[in-house]
Amino acid sequence: MPALMIHHVDLAVSDVDRTIEFYKAVLGPLGLGSHVRPVTDGEDDENVYRTYRGTEDVTYLRWGDQFIAFRQADGGEHHYYEVGIEHIAFYVDRKEDVDEAYQRCLDIGARIHFPPEEDRDMPGYYEMFVFDPDGMRVEVAYSPAVTTRGSAEG
């Protein structure tokens, strides 16, 4: 049986509100938005879910049919290229969407890793990289091989 998709990625971050603000600023105009998930602890915020540990809340944001979630870390910090996530990639519909995301990153003073450019190894693949507030690398990319949101030719 073929795999369907990655449903969600759950990240532990140093400041949930600051992280959500960053992701919504960069990707909100491209469709990243709140996801309503049932609240299990009686609170009123429909975007917050009490985890199985019961010690932190998780906020889910929707990107197409997938989700990215943020929870308060117990401590520590992310170090680029050490064990853990190397980067998270978000596909967009047009090259101009990559350029516009880049401009929003500049507007909010985000730390850019690579400005928009065509990939050296994949013709037509256009990408930019930025670090989120905890130093996790985020890619915003356009590929002509992706014909509809979430599906690739092949």
C-alpha atoms as a PDB file:
ATOM      1  CA  MET A   1       0.000   0.000   0.000  1.00  0.00           C
ATOM      2  CA  PRO A   2       1.490   3.397  -0.940  1.00  0.00           C
ATOM      3  CA  ALA A   3       2.085   6.056   1.649  1.00  0.00           C
ATOM      4  CA  LEU A   4      -0.349   8.973   1.655  1.00  0.00           C
ATOM      5  CA  MET A   5       1.472  11.981   3.110  1.00  0.00           C
ATOM      6  CA  ILE A   6       3.091  13.448   6.162  1.00  0.00           C
ATOM      7  CA  HIS A   7       0.077  14.716   8.122  1.00  0.00           C
ATOM      8  CA  HIS A   8       1.879  17.062  10.499  1.00  0.00           C
ATOM      9  CA  VAL A   9       5.205  18.086  11.948  1.00  0.00           C
ATOM     10  CA  ASP A  10       5.233  19.037  15.609  1.00  0.00           C
ATOM     11  CA  LEU A  11       8.006  21.421  16.723  1.00  0.00           C
ATOM     12  CA  ALA A  12       9.077  22.305  20.252  1.00  0.00           C
ATOM     13  CA  VAL A  13       9.984  26.007  20.300  1.00  0.00           C
ATOM     14  CA  SER A  14      11.274  28.524  22.830  1.00  0.00           C
ATOM     15  CA  ASP A  15       8.351  30.959  22.419  1.00  0.00           C
ATOM     16  CA  VAL A  16       5.140  29.694  20.784  1.00  0.00           C
ATOM     17  CA  ASP A  17       3.576  33.118  20.227  1.00  0.00           C
ATOM     18  CA  ARG A  18       6.726  34.551  18.634  1.00  0.00           C
ATOM     19  CA  THR A  19       7.062  31.483  16.405  1.00  0.00           C
ATOM     20  CA  ILE A  20       3.439  31.605  15.238  1.00  0.00           C
ATOM     21  CA  GLU A  21       3.821  35.321  14.517  1.00  0.00           C
ATOM     22  CA  PHE A  22       6.868  34.575  12.336  1.00  0.00           C
ATOM     23  CA  TYR A  23       5.259  31.748  10.335  1.00  0.00           C
ATOM     24  CA  LYS A  24       2.029  33.683   9.806  1.00  0.00           C
ATOM     25  CA  ALA A  25       3.954  36.789   8.694  1.00  0.00           C
ATOM     26  CA  VAL A  26       5.996  34.852   6.144  1.00  0.00           C
ATOM     27  CA  LEU A  27       3.464  32.251   4.969  1.00  0.00           C
ATOM     28  CA  GLY A  28       0.051  33.565   6.025  1.00  0.00           C
ATOM     29  CA  PRO A  29      -0.530  35.498   2.774  1.00  0.00           C
ATOM     30  CA  LEU A  30       0.187  32.235   0.896  1.00  0.00           C
ATOM     31  CA  GLY A  31      -2.413  30.216   2.776  1.00  0.00           C
ATOM     32  CA  LEU A  32      -0.877  29.173   6.094  1.00  0.00           C
ATOM     33  CA  GLY A  33      -3.701  29.539   8.577  1.00  0.00           C
ATOM     34  CA  SER A  34      -5.183  28.436  11.826  1.00  0.00           C
ATOM     35  CA  HIS A  35      -6.577  24.971  12.159  1.00  0.00           C
ATOM     36  CA  VAL A  36      -9.476  24.230  14.463  1.00  0.00           C
ATOM     37  CA  ARG A  37      -8.869  21.103  16.516  1.00  0.00           C
ATOM     38  CA  PRO A  38     -11.036  20.041  19.453  1.00  0.00           C
ATOM     39  CA  VAL A  39      -9.828  21.389  22.767  1.00  0.00           C
ATOM     40  CA  THR A  40      -9.573  18.748  25.445  1.00  0.00           C
ATOM     41  CA  ASP A  41      -8.969  20.875  28.521  1.00  0.00           C
ATOM     42  CA  GLY A  42     -12.017  23.149  28.502  1.00  0.00           C
ATOM     43  CA  GLU A  43     -10.231  26.280  27.300  1.00  0.00           C
ATOM     44  CA  ASP A  44     -11.898  28.503  24.708  1.00  0.00           C
ATOM     45  CA  ASP A  45      -9.102  28.725  22.120  1.00  0.00           C
ATOM     46  CA  GLU A  46     -10.114  26.331  19.320  1.00  0.00           C
ATOM     47  CA  ASN A  47      -6.622  26.354  17.775  1.00  0.00           C
ATOM     48  CA  VAL A  48      -4.967  24.958  20.894  1.00  0.00           C
ATOM     49  CA  TYR A  49      -4.824  21.286  21.805  1.00  0.00           C
ATOM     50  CA  ARG A  50      -3.731  19.907  25.186  1.00  0.00           C
ATOM     51  CA  THR A  51      -1.164  17.179  24.528  1.00  0.00           C
ATOM     52  CA  TYR A  52      -1.136  13.628  25.772  1.00  0.00           C
ATOM     53  CA  ARG A  53       1.518  14.647  28.322  1.00  0.00           C
ATOM     54  CA  GLY A  54      -0.887  17.247  29.599  1.00  0.00           C
ATOM     55  CA  THR A  55       1.948  19.654  30.312  1.00  0.00           C
ATOM     56  CA  GLU A  56       1.775  21.881  27.266  1.00  0.00           C
ATOM     57  CA  ASP A  57      -0.620  23.080  24.608  1.00  0.00           C
ATOM     58  CA  VAL A  58      -0.001  22.572  20.894  1.00  0.00           C
ATOM     59  CA  THR A  59      -1.081  25.119  18.298  1.00  0.00           C
ATOM     60  CA  TYR A  60      -1.715  23.750  14.803  1.00  0.00           C
ATOM     61  CA  LEU A  61      -1.437  25.764  11.597  1.00  0.00           C
ATOM     62  CA  ARG A  62      -2.742  24.380   8.295  1.00  0.00           C
ATOM     63  CA  TRP A  63      -0.769  24.323   5.032  1.00  0.00           C
ATOM     64  CA  GLY A  64      -2.954  22.723   2.379  1.00  0.00           C
ATOM     65  CA  ASP A  65      -3.777  19.271   3.704  1.00  0.00           C
ATOM     66  CA  GLN A  66      -0.828  19.188   6.103  1.00  0.00           C
ATOM     67  CA  PHE A  67      -0.199  20.799   9.455  1.00  0.00           C
ATOM     68  CA  ILE A  68       2.685  22.320  11.345  1.00  0.00           C
ATOM     69  CA  ALA A  69       2.328  22.466  15.110  1.00  0.00           C
ATOM     70  CA  PHE A  70       4.170  24.365  17.818  1.00  0.00           C
ATOM     71  CA  ARG A  71       4.526  23.540  21.486  1.00  0.00           C
ATOM     72  CA  GLN A  72       6.571  25.111  24.251  1.00  0.00           C
ATOM     73  CA  ALA A  73       9.941  23.381  24.601  1.00  0.00           C
ATOM     74  CA  ASP A  74      11.026  22.076  27.982  1.00  0.00           C
ATOM     75  CA  GLY A  75      14.361  23.837  27.446  1.00  0.00           C
ATOM     76  CA  GLY A  76      17.431  23.834  25.269  1.00  0.00           C
ATOM     77  CA  GLU A  77      17.931  25.375  21.876  1.00  0.00           C
ATOM     78  CA  HIS A  78      18.091  24.299  18.254  1.00  0.00           C
ATOM     79  CA  HIS A  79      21.487  24.164  16.555  1.00  0.00           C
ATOM     80  CA  TYR A  80      21.556  24.159  12.779  1.00  0.00           C
ATOM     81  CA  TYR A  81      22.958  20.901  11.388  1.00  0.00           C
ATOM     82  CA  GLU A  82      22.984  19.119  14.719  1.00  0.00           C
ATOM     83  CA  VAL A  83      20.554  16.298  15.472  1.00  0.00           C
ATOM     84  CA  GLY A  84      17.010  17.341  14.639  1.00  0.00           C
ATOM     85  CA  ILE A  85      15.243  19.088  11.800  1.00  0.00           C
ATOM     86  CA  GLU A  86      17.603  20.414   9.129  1.00  0.00           C
ATOM     87  CA  HIS A  87      14.855  22.366   7.368  1.00  0.00           C
ATOM     88  CA  ILE A  88      11.145  22.449   6.577  1.00  0.00           C
ATOM     89  CA  ALA A  89      10.038  23.182   2.999  1.00  0.00           C
ATOM     90  CA  PHE A  90       6.804  24.855   1.918  1.00  0.00           C
ATOM     91  CA  TYR A  91       5.805  24.664  -1.770  1.00  0.00           C
ATOM     92  CA  VAL A  92       4.032  27.644  -3.292  1.00  0.00           C
ATOM     93  CA  ASP A  93       2.131  28.121  -6.567  1.00  0.00           C
ATOM     94  CA  ARG A  94       4.345  30.718  -8.298  1.00  0.00           C
ATOM     95  CA  LYS A  95       7.932  31.957  -8.364  1.00  0.00           C
ATOM     96  CA  GLU A  96       6.551  35.373  -7.412  1.00  0.00           C
ATOM     97  CA  ASP A  97       5.234  33.832  -4.170  1.00  0.00           C
ATOM     98  CA  VAL A  98       8.835  32.966  -3.244  1.00  0.00           C
ATOM     99  CA  ASP A  99       9.933  36.539  -3.949  1.00  0.00           C
ATOM    100  CA  GLU A 100       7.038  37.963  -1.936  1.00  0.00           C
ATOM    101  CA  ALA A 101       7.793  35.655   1.020  1.00  0.00           C
ATOM    102  CA  TYR A 102      11.408  36.816   0.853  1.00  0.00           C
ATOM    103  CA  GLN A 103      10.310  40.452   0.979  1.00  0.00           C
ATOM    104  CA  ARG A 104       8.122  39.741   4.018  1.00  0.00           C
ATOM    105  CA  CYS A 105      11.151  38.133   5.699  1.00  0.00           C
ATOM    106  CA  LEU A 106      13.169  41.284   5.066  1.00  0.00           C
ATOM    107  CA  ASP A 107      10.280  43.422   6.348  1.00  0.00           C
ATOM    108  CA  ILE A 108      10.181  41.597   9.692  1.00  0.00           C
ATOM    109  CA  GLY A 109      13.972  41.474  10.053  1.00  0.00           C
ATOM    110  CA  ALA A 110      14.240  37.694   9.753  1.00  0.00           C
ATOM    111  CA  ARG A 111      17.668  36.107   9.325  1.00  0.00           C
ATOM    112  CA  ILE A 112      18.000  35.106   5.661  1.00  0.00           C
ATOM    113  CA  HIS A 113      20.122  32.071   4.809  1.00  0.00           C
ATOM    114  CA  PHE A 114      19.785  32.262   0.997  1.00  0.00           C
ATOM    115  CA  PRO A 115      17.769  34.797  -1.017  1.00  0.00           C
ATOM    116  CA  PRO A 116      15.547  33.512  -3.849  1.00  0.00           C
ATOM    117  CA  GLU A 117      17.456  31.667  -6.552  1.00  0.00           C
ATOM    118  CA  GLU A 118      17.050  28.805  -8.979  1.00  0.00           C
ATOM    119  CA  ASP A 119      18.430  25.535  -7.676  1.00  0.00           C
ATOM    120  CA  ARG A 120      21.693  24.466  -9.348  1.00  0.00           C
ATOM    121  CA  ASP A 121      20.625  20.814  -9.641  1.00  0.00           C
ATOM    122  CA  MET A 122      16.898  20.981 -10.417  1.00  0.00           C
ATOM    123  CA  PRO A 123      15.855  23.110 -13.403  1.00  0.00           C
ATOM    124  CA  GLY A 124      12.925  25.388 -12.646  1.00  0.00           C
ATOM    125  CA  TYR A 125      13.129  24.793  -8.864  1.00  0.00           C
ATOM    126  CA  TYR A 126      13.148  28.264  -7.283  1.00  0.00           C
ATOM    127  CA  GLU A 127      13.774  28.622  -3.569  1.00  0.00           C
ATOM    128  CA  MET A 128      14.757  30.794  -0.642  1.00  0.00           C
ATOM    129  CA  PHE A 129      15.828  29.911   2.892  1.00  0.00           C
ATOM    130  CA  VAL A 130      15.275  31.793   6.138  1.00  0.00           C
ATOM    131  CA  PHE A 131      15.800  30.919   9.798  1.00  0.00           C
ATOM    132  CA  ASP A 132      12.789  30.966  12.115  1.00  0.00           C
ATOM    133  CA  PRO A 133      13.113  32.575  15.588  1.00  0.00           C
ATOM    134  CA  ASP A 134      14.686  29.398  17.024  1.00  0.00           C
ATOM    135  CA  GLY A 135      17.145  28.987  14.168  1.00  0.00           C
ATOM    136  CA  MET A 136      15.260  26.243  12.325  1.00  0.00           C
ATOM    137  CA  ARG A 137      15.738  26.665   8.592  1.00  0.00           C
ATOM    138  CA  VAL A 138      12.602  27.247   6.511  1.00  0.00           C
ATOM    139  CA  GLU A 139      12.493  26.859   2.738  1.00  0.00           C
ATOM    140  CA  VAL A 140       9.876  28.501   0.532  1.00  0.00           C
ATOM    141  CA  ALA A 141       9.982  26.937  -2.937  1.00  0.00           C
ATOM    142  CA  TYR A 142       8.287  26.809  -6.304  1.00  0.00           C
ATOM    143  CA  SER A 143       8.641  23.831  -8.641  1.00  0.00           C
ATOM    144  CA  PRO A 144       7.037  23.401 -12.045  1.00  0.00           C
ATOM    145  CA  ALA A 145       6.995  19.644 -11.298  1.00  0.00           C
ATOM    146  CA  VAL A 146       4.331  20.270  -8.677  1.00  0.00           C
ATOM    147  CA  THR A 147       1.178  20.671 -10.727  1.00  0.00           C
ATOM    148  CA  THR A 148      -1.365  21.106  -7.945  1.00  0.00           C
ATOM    149  CA  ARG A 149      -1.041  21.843  -4.263  1.00  0.00           C
ATOM    150  CA  GLY A 150       0.379  18.753  -2.599  1.00  0.00           C
ATOM    151  CA  SER A 151       0.909  16.558  -5.668  1.00  0.00           C
ATOM    152  CA  ALA A 152       3.959  16.054  -7.798  1.00  0.00           C
ATOM    153  CA  GLU A 153       4.394  14.622 -11.251  1.00  0.00           C
ATOM    154  CA  GLY A 154       6.319  11.440 -11.399  1.00  0.00           C
END
